[in-house]
């Protein structure tokens, strides 16, 4: 049994190493514990379950062998999707700790600008946090982005996206996903990934059926998921105020746009009402007023 890290710090690391050594091999244990310690040893606290970390270490190695790995975190609002992806990406790439404002974006275009700066095959991480730019896959820019994702494996990075629902993820991104993190509630994550050695391919079924069945599909497939506890803090917490400020400003900008459009519509209606053309036709005034949405 592995002791809790907050009750016996060094004992925790010894237990994790022993678990790895007997479950896998001494060589595997040494490599994993070295990676794990590099991420959390200097912090004096661990932000990810060690069994989850073992699974993610396989992803770390997979990126080195096969190129870019794509992840999606979905679940109800407030379940901790962003926090989870911060912890996942930090485990995979510790450089995100000091670069979170340049690696986490709220728009797809901004995300593409960010990864353009990342060198090839270095295993850097970046993700989109519920991107709000609705880009159609059949538009010109959508087609161009689809091409980028189609060739994305060559970059050799860790790419992620947070969304409340799969329908919020562009199809050309969704079809590239290697691992799905589902957060049905705060405090736990269900991890779905393919396991070729055991001939298990849940990701394929999820991609095929989730649009039809939604979360119910994931619940019915719970036995095929690895379930881990989640933590409410991250190694990126020192920069969280700046990131939250960025999200708040993005929200304020969108709100301003909505109110500006509505104000312009109000002015149009008022001009029509005051025009001679409408003075003797109150039905047009009523019709126009009914079509106006007033935000208060």
Protein backbone atom coordinates (compact mmCIF):
# COMPACT_ATOMS: atom_id res chain seq x y z
CA UNK A 1 0.00 0.00 0.00
CA UNK A 2 1.31 3.45 -0.91
CA UNK A 3 1.37 5.92 1.95
CA UNK A 4 -0.17 9.34 1.47
CA UNK A 5 2.38 11.93 0.37
CA UNK A 6 1.08 14.48 2.89
CA UNK A 7 1.66 12.12 5.82
CA UNK A 8 5.13 10.83 4.94
CA UNK A 9 6.82 12.58 2.02
CA UNK A 10 9.86 10.33 1.54
CA UNK A 11 7.89 7.24 2.51
CA UNK A 12 5.47 8.03 -0.32
CA UNK A 13 8.26 8.04 -2.91
CA UNK A 14 9.72 4.81 -1.58
CA UNK A 15 6.30 3.16 -1.79
CA UNK A 16 5.70 4.38 -5.36
CA UNK A 17 9.12 3.11 -6.44
CA UNK A 18 8.50 -0.26 -4.79
CA UNK A 19 5.07 -0.53 -6.46
CA UNK A 20 6.60 0.17 -9.88
CA UNK A 21 9.52 -2.20 -9.31
CA UNK A 22 7.34 -5.21 -8.46
CA UNK A 23 4.57 -4.47 -10.95
CA UNK A 24 6.87 -3.75 -13.90
CA UNK A 25 10.67 -3.84 -13.51
CA UNK A 26 13.46 -2.10 -11.67
CA UNK A 27 14.55 -0.31 -14.84
CA UNK A 28 11.02 0.96 -15.50
CA UNK A 29 10.69 2.01 -11.86
CA UNK A 30 13.91 4.02 -12.00
CA UNK A 31 12.90 5.87 -15.17
CA UNK A 32 9.41 6.62 -13.94
CA UNK A 33 10.42 7.75 -10.45
CA UNK A 34 13.07 10.04 -11.96
CA UNK A 35 10.44 11.71 -14.17
CA UNK A 36 7.88 11.88 -11.36
CA UNK A 37 10.40 13.35 -8.90
CA UNK A 38 11.57 15.95 -11.44
CA UNK A 39 8.00 17.23 -11.59
CA UNK A 40 7.07 17.28 -7.91
CA UNK A 41 10.14 16.74 -5.74
CA UNK A 42 10.96 20.46 -5.52
CA UNK A 43 7.33 21.36 -4.78
CA UNK A 44 6.96 19.17 -1.71
CA UNK A 45 3.48 18.19 -2.90
CA UNK A 46 2.00 15.97 -5.62
CA UNK A 47 -0.93 17.17 -7.74
CA UNK A 48 -1.71 13.91 -9.50
CA UNK A 49 -2.51 10.35 -8.41
CA UNK A 50 0.55 8.13 -8.84
CA UNK A 51 -1.34 5.44 -10.81
CA UNK A 52 -2.65 8.15 -13.11
CA UNK A 53 0.94 9.39 -13.43
CA UNK A 54 2.07 5.90 -14.47
CA UNK A 55 -0.52 5.92 -17.25
CA UNK A 56 0.54 9.40 -18.35
CA UNK A 57 4.18 8.32 -18.43
CA UNK A 58 3.18 5.86 -21.15
CA UNK A 59 1.76 8.86 -23.03
CA UNK A 60 5.02 10.71 -22.50
CA UNK A 61 6.92 7.82 -24.11
CA UNK A 62 4.31 7.45 -26.88
CA UNK A 63 4.88 11.05 -27.95
CA UNK A 64 8.59 10.36 -28.29
CA UNK A 65 7.87 7.30 -30.45
CA UNK A 66 4.88 8.39 -32.50
CA UNK A 67 4.59 12.18 -32.43
CA UNK A 68 1.86 14.53 -31.23
CA UNK A 69 -0.68 13.20 -28.73
CA UNK A 70 -4.16 14.72 -28.65
CA UNK A 71 -6.32 14.90 -25.51
CA UNK A 72 -9.84 16.09 -24.68
CA UNK A 73 -11.32 16.82 -21.26
CA UNK A 74 -15.11 16.99 -21.12
CA UNK A 75 -17.61 17.16 -18.27
CA UNK A 76 -20.07 19.36 -16.43
CA UNK A 77 -19.14 22.95 -15.62
CA UNK A 78 -17.11 23.27 -12.44
CA UNK A 79 -15.94 19.65 -12.43
CA UNK A 80 -12.31 20.71 -12.81
CA UNK A 81 -11.54 20.16 -16.50
CA UNK A 82 -9.06 23.03 -16.76
CA UNK A 83 -7.38 22.07 -13.49
CA UNK A 84 -7.06 18.48 -14.67
CA UNK A 85 -5.50 19.43 -18.02
CA UNK A 86 -3.08 21.77 -16.24
CA UNK A 87 -1.93 18.86 -14.09
CA UNK A 88 -1.78 16.45 -17.02
CA UNK A 89 0.19 18.86 -19.19
CA UNK A 90 2.56 19.78 -16.37
CA UNK A 91 3.37 16.11 -15.78
CA UNK A 92 4.09 15.69 -19.49
CA UNK A 93 5.97 18.98 -19.89
CA UNK A 94 7.25 20.83 -16.82
CA UNK A 95 8.14 23.93 -18.90
CA UNK A 96 4.45 24.84 -18.96
CA UNK A 97 4.83 25.87 -15.29
CA UNK A 98 6.52 29.13 -16.27
CA UNK A 99 4.76 29.56 -19.60
CA UNK A 100 1.11 28.85 -18.86
CA UNK A 101 -0.14 32.19 -20.23
CA UNK A 102 1.56 31.31 -23.52
CA UNK A 103 0.42 27.68 -23.59
CA UNK A 104 -3.23 27.92 -22.52
CA UNK A 105 -5.59 29.79 -24.82
CA UNK A 106 -9.30 30.56 -25.05
CA UNK A 107 -9.40 30.70 -28.84
CA UNK A 108 -8.29 28.32 -31.57
CA UNK A 109 -6.44 30.99 -33.54
CA UNK A 110 -4.48 32.04 -30.45
CA UNK A 111 -3.65 28.40 -29.77
CA UNK A 112 -2.29 27.94 -33.29
CA UNK A 113 -0.13 31.04 -32.86
CA UNK A 114 1.23 29.55 -29.63
CA UNK A 115 2.13 26.13 -30.99
CA UNK A 116 3.73 27.78 -34.04
CA UNK A 117 6.44 28.95 -31.61
CA UNK A 118 7.09 25.44 -30.24
CA UNK A 119 10.03 23.54 -31.78
CA UNK A 120 9.55 20.12 -33.35
CA UNK A 121 9.71 16.87 -31.36
CA UNK A 122 10.52 18.42 -27.99
CA UNK A 123 7.40 17.20 -26.21
CA UNK A 124 6.06 20.64 -25.30
CA UNK A 125 2.46 20.96 -24.12
CA UNK A 126 -0.33 23.44 -24.91
CA UNK A 127 -4.12 23.35 -24.76
CA UNK A 128 -7.31 25.24 -25.50
CA UNK A 129 -9.65 26.03 -22.62
CA UNK A 130 -13.17 26.00 -24.07
CA UNK A 131 -12.27 28.01 -27.21
CA UNK A 132 -15.02 30.44 -28.13
CA UNK A 133 -14.29 31.03 -31.81
CA UNK A 134 -16.83 29.02 -33.79
CA UNK A 135 -14.91 28.02 -36.91
CA UNK A 136 -16.75 25.91 -39.44
CA UNK A 137 -14.80 23.01 -40.89
CA UNK A 138 -16.10 23.88 -44.36
CA UNK A 139 -15.02 27.54 -44.28
CA UNK A 140 -11.70 28.47 -45.88
CA UNK A 141 -9.94 28.96 -42.57
CA UNK A 142 -11.64 25.84 -41.21
CA UNK A 143 -10.27 23.79 -44.09
CA UNK A 144 -6.80 25.21 -43.49
CA UNK A 145 -6.95 24.39 -39.77
CA UNK A 146 -8.19 20.90 -40.60
CA UNK A 147 -5.09 20.40 -42.74
CA UNK A 148 -2.91 21.54 -39.84
CA UNK A 149 -4.50 19.00 -37.51
CA UNK A 150 -4.26 16.33 -40.18
CA UNK A 151 -0.49 16.79 -40.25
CA UNK A 152 -0.16 17.59 -36.55
CA UNK A 153 1.49 14.29 -35.59
CA UNK A 154 4.73 15.58 -37.10
CA UNK A 155 5.04 18.36 -34.52
CA UNK A 156 5.69 16.01 -31.60
CA UNK A 157 3.80 17.95 -28.89
CA UNK A 158 1.02 17.33 -26.36
CA UNK A 159 -2.18 19.02 -27.53
CA UNK A 160 -5.37 19.31 -25.47
CA UNK A 161 -8.82 20.87 -25.43
CA UNK A 162 -11.38 21.43 -22.65
CA UNK A 163 -15.09 21.46 -23.47
CA UNK A 164 -18.37 20.92 -21.66
CA UNK A 165 -19.53 18.55 -24.38
CA UNK A 166 -18.08 16.76 -27.39
CA UNK A 167 -20.39 18.82 -29.61
CA UNK A 168 -18.29 21.85 -28.60
CA UNK A 169 -15.18 20.26 -30.11
CA UNK A 170 -14.66 20.73 -33.87
CA UNK A 171 -14.95 17.35 -35.67
CA UNK A 172 -11.49 17.68 -37.22
CA UNK A 173 -10.03 17.89 -33.69
CA UNK A 174 -12.29 15.26 -32.14
CA UNK A 175 -11.31 12.58 -34.64
CA UNK A 176 -7.64 13.02 -33.68
CA UNK A 177 -8.15 12.42 -29.94
CA UNK A 178 -6.02 9.66 -28.40
CA UNK A 179 -7.21 9.94 -24.78
CA UNK A 180 -10.52 11.20 -23.40
CA UNK A 181 -10.77 12.55 -19.85
CA UNK A 182 -14.36 12.55 -18.61
CA UNK A 183 -15.19 14.39 -15.38
CA UNK A 184 -18.75 13.43 -14.35
CA UNK A 185 -18.34 15.29 -11.06
CA UNK A 186 -15.73 17.11 -9.04
CA UNK A 187 -13.07 14.85 -7.53
CA UNK A 188 -12.67 12.10 -10.13
CA UNK A 189 -11.73 11.55 -13.74
CA UNK A 190 -12.60 8.63 -16.02
CA UNK A 191 -9.81 8.03 -18.50
CA UNK A 192 -10.64 6.32 -21.78
CA UNK A 193 -7.79 5.21 -24.04
CA UNK A 194 -7.06 2.39 -26.45
CA UNK A 195 -5.06 -0.62 -25.31
CA UNK A 196 -3.83 -2.53 -28.39
CA UNK A 197 -2.07 -5.17 -26.26
CA UNK A 198 -5.40 -6.16 -24.73
CA UNK A 199 -7.28 -5.56 -28.00
CA UNK A 200 -9.41 -2.88 -26.33
CA UNK A 201 -10.34 0.16 -28.42
CA UNK A 202 -12.98 2.19 -26.51
CA UNK A 203 -11.94 5.46 -28.16
CA UNK A 204 -13.17 4.19 -31.53
CA UNK A 205 -16.60 3.37 -30.15
CA UNK A 206 -16.82 6.68 -28.31
CA UNK A 207 -15.97 8.63 -31.46
CA UNK A 208 -18.64 6.72 -33.34
CA UNK A 209 -21.52 6.87 -30.84
CA UNK A 210 -21.10 9.76 -28.41
CA UNK A 211 -22.89 12.30 -30.63
CA UNK A 212 -25.96 10.07 -30.43
CA UNK A 213 -25.87 9.05 -26.76
CA UNK A 214 -23.85 11.79 -25.04
CA UNK A 215 -22.66 11.24 -21.48
CA UNK A 216 -24.88 8.15 -21.19
CA UNK A 217 -22.51 6.32 -23.51
CA UNK A 218 -19.56 7.03 -21.23
CA UNK A 219 -21.52 5.88 -18.19
CA UNK A 220 -22.39 2.61 -19.97
CA UNK A 221 -18.68 2.15 -20.76
CA UNK A 222 -17.45 2.90 -17.24
CA UNK A 223 -15.91 -0.57 -16.90
CA UNK A 224 -13.57 0.29 -19.78
CA UNK A 225 -12.26 3.43 -18.09
CA UNK A 226 -9.46 3.92 -15.59
CA UNK A 227 -10.86 6.01 -12.76
CA UNK A 228 -8.61 8.26 -10.68
CA UNK A 229 -9.10 10.94 -8.01
CA UNK A 230 -8.35 14.52 -9.02
CA UNK A 231 -6.80 17.40 -7.09
CA UNK A 232 -7.93 20.99 -6.85
CA UNK A 233 -4.46 22.57 -7.01
CA UNK A 234 -1.79 22.61 -9.69
CA UNK A 235 1.89 23.46 -10.10
CA UNK A 236 0.66 26.40 -12.17
CA UNK A 237 -1.23 28.04 -9.30
CA UNK A 238 1.39 30.79 -9.00
CA UNK A 239 0.25 32.06 -12.42
CA UNK A 240 -3.45 31.32 -12.04
CA UNK A 241 -4.39 34.94 -11.20
CA UNK A 242 -2.99 36.15 -14.52
CA UNK A 243 -4.75 33.37 -16.44
CA UNK A 244 -8.07 33.97 -14.68
CA UNK A 245 -7.69 37.67 -15.46
CA UNK A 246 -7.22 36.80 -19.13
CA UNK A 247 -10.39 34.68 -19.10
CA UNK A 248 -12.31 37.47 -17.35
CA UNK A 249 -11.19 40.05 -19.92
CA UNK A 250 -12.17 37.69 -22.74
CA UNK A 251 -15.64 37.33 -21.17
CA UNK A 252 -15.93 41.11 -20.76
CA UNK A 253 -14.97 41.67 -24.41
CA UNK A 254 -17.66 39.25 -25.59
CA UNK A 255 -20.21 40.93 -23.33
CA UNK A 256 -19.28 44.35 -24.71
CA UNK A 257 -19.74 43.06 -28.26
CA UNK A 258 -23.23 41.76 -27.45
CA UNK A 259 -24.28 45.01 -25.79
CA UNK A 260 -22.83 47.10 -28.61
CA UNK A 261 -24.76 45.14 -31.22
CA UNK A 262 -27.94 45.45 -29.19
CA UNK A 263 -27.40 49.20 -28.72
CA UNK A 264 -26.98 49.61 -32.47
CA UNK A 265 -30.23 47.70 -33.06
CA UNK A 266 -32.03 49.93 -30.55
CA UNK A 267 -30.83 53.01 -32.40
CA UNK A 268 -32.05 51.59 -35.73
CA UNK A 269 -35.53 50.96 -34.29
CA UNK A 270 -35.66 54.41 -32.72
CA UNK A 271 -34.75 56.06 -36.04
CA UNK A 272 -37.47 54.10 -37.82
CA UNK A 273 -40.02 55.05 -35.18
CA UNK A 274 -39.13 58.72 -35.56
CA UNK A 275 -39.18 58.60 -39.34
CA UNK A 276 -42.18 59.98 -41.25
CA UNK A 277 -42.54 56.64 -43.00
CA UNK A 278 -43.73 54.96 -39.80
CA UNK A 279 -45.70 57.69 -38.12
CA UNK A 280 -49.05 56.42 -39.37
CA UNK A 281 -48.29 52.70 -39.09
CA UNK A 282 -48.10 51.57 -35.40
CA UNK A 283 -48.16 47.88 -36.43
CA UNK A 284 -44.60 48.21 -37.80
CA UNK A 285 -43.43 49.79 -34.54
CA UNK A 286 -44.90 46.90 -32.51
CA UNK A 287 -43.42 44.30 -34.87
CA UNK A 288 -39.95 45.83 -34.70
CA UNK A 289 -40.05 46.17 -30.91
CA UNK A 290 -41.04 42.51 -30.54
CA UNK A 291 -38.01 41.45 -32.59
CA UNK A 292 -35.60 43.45 -30.45
CA UNK A 293 -33.81 41.62 -27.61
CA UNK A 294 -33.06 43.94 -24.73
CA UNK A 295 -30.16 42.91 -22.42
CA UNK A 296 -30.52 44.34 -18.96
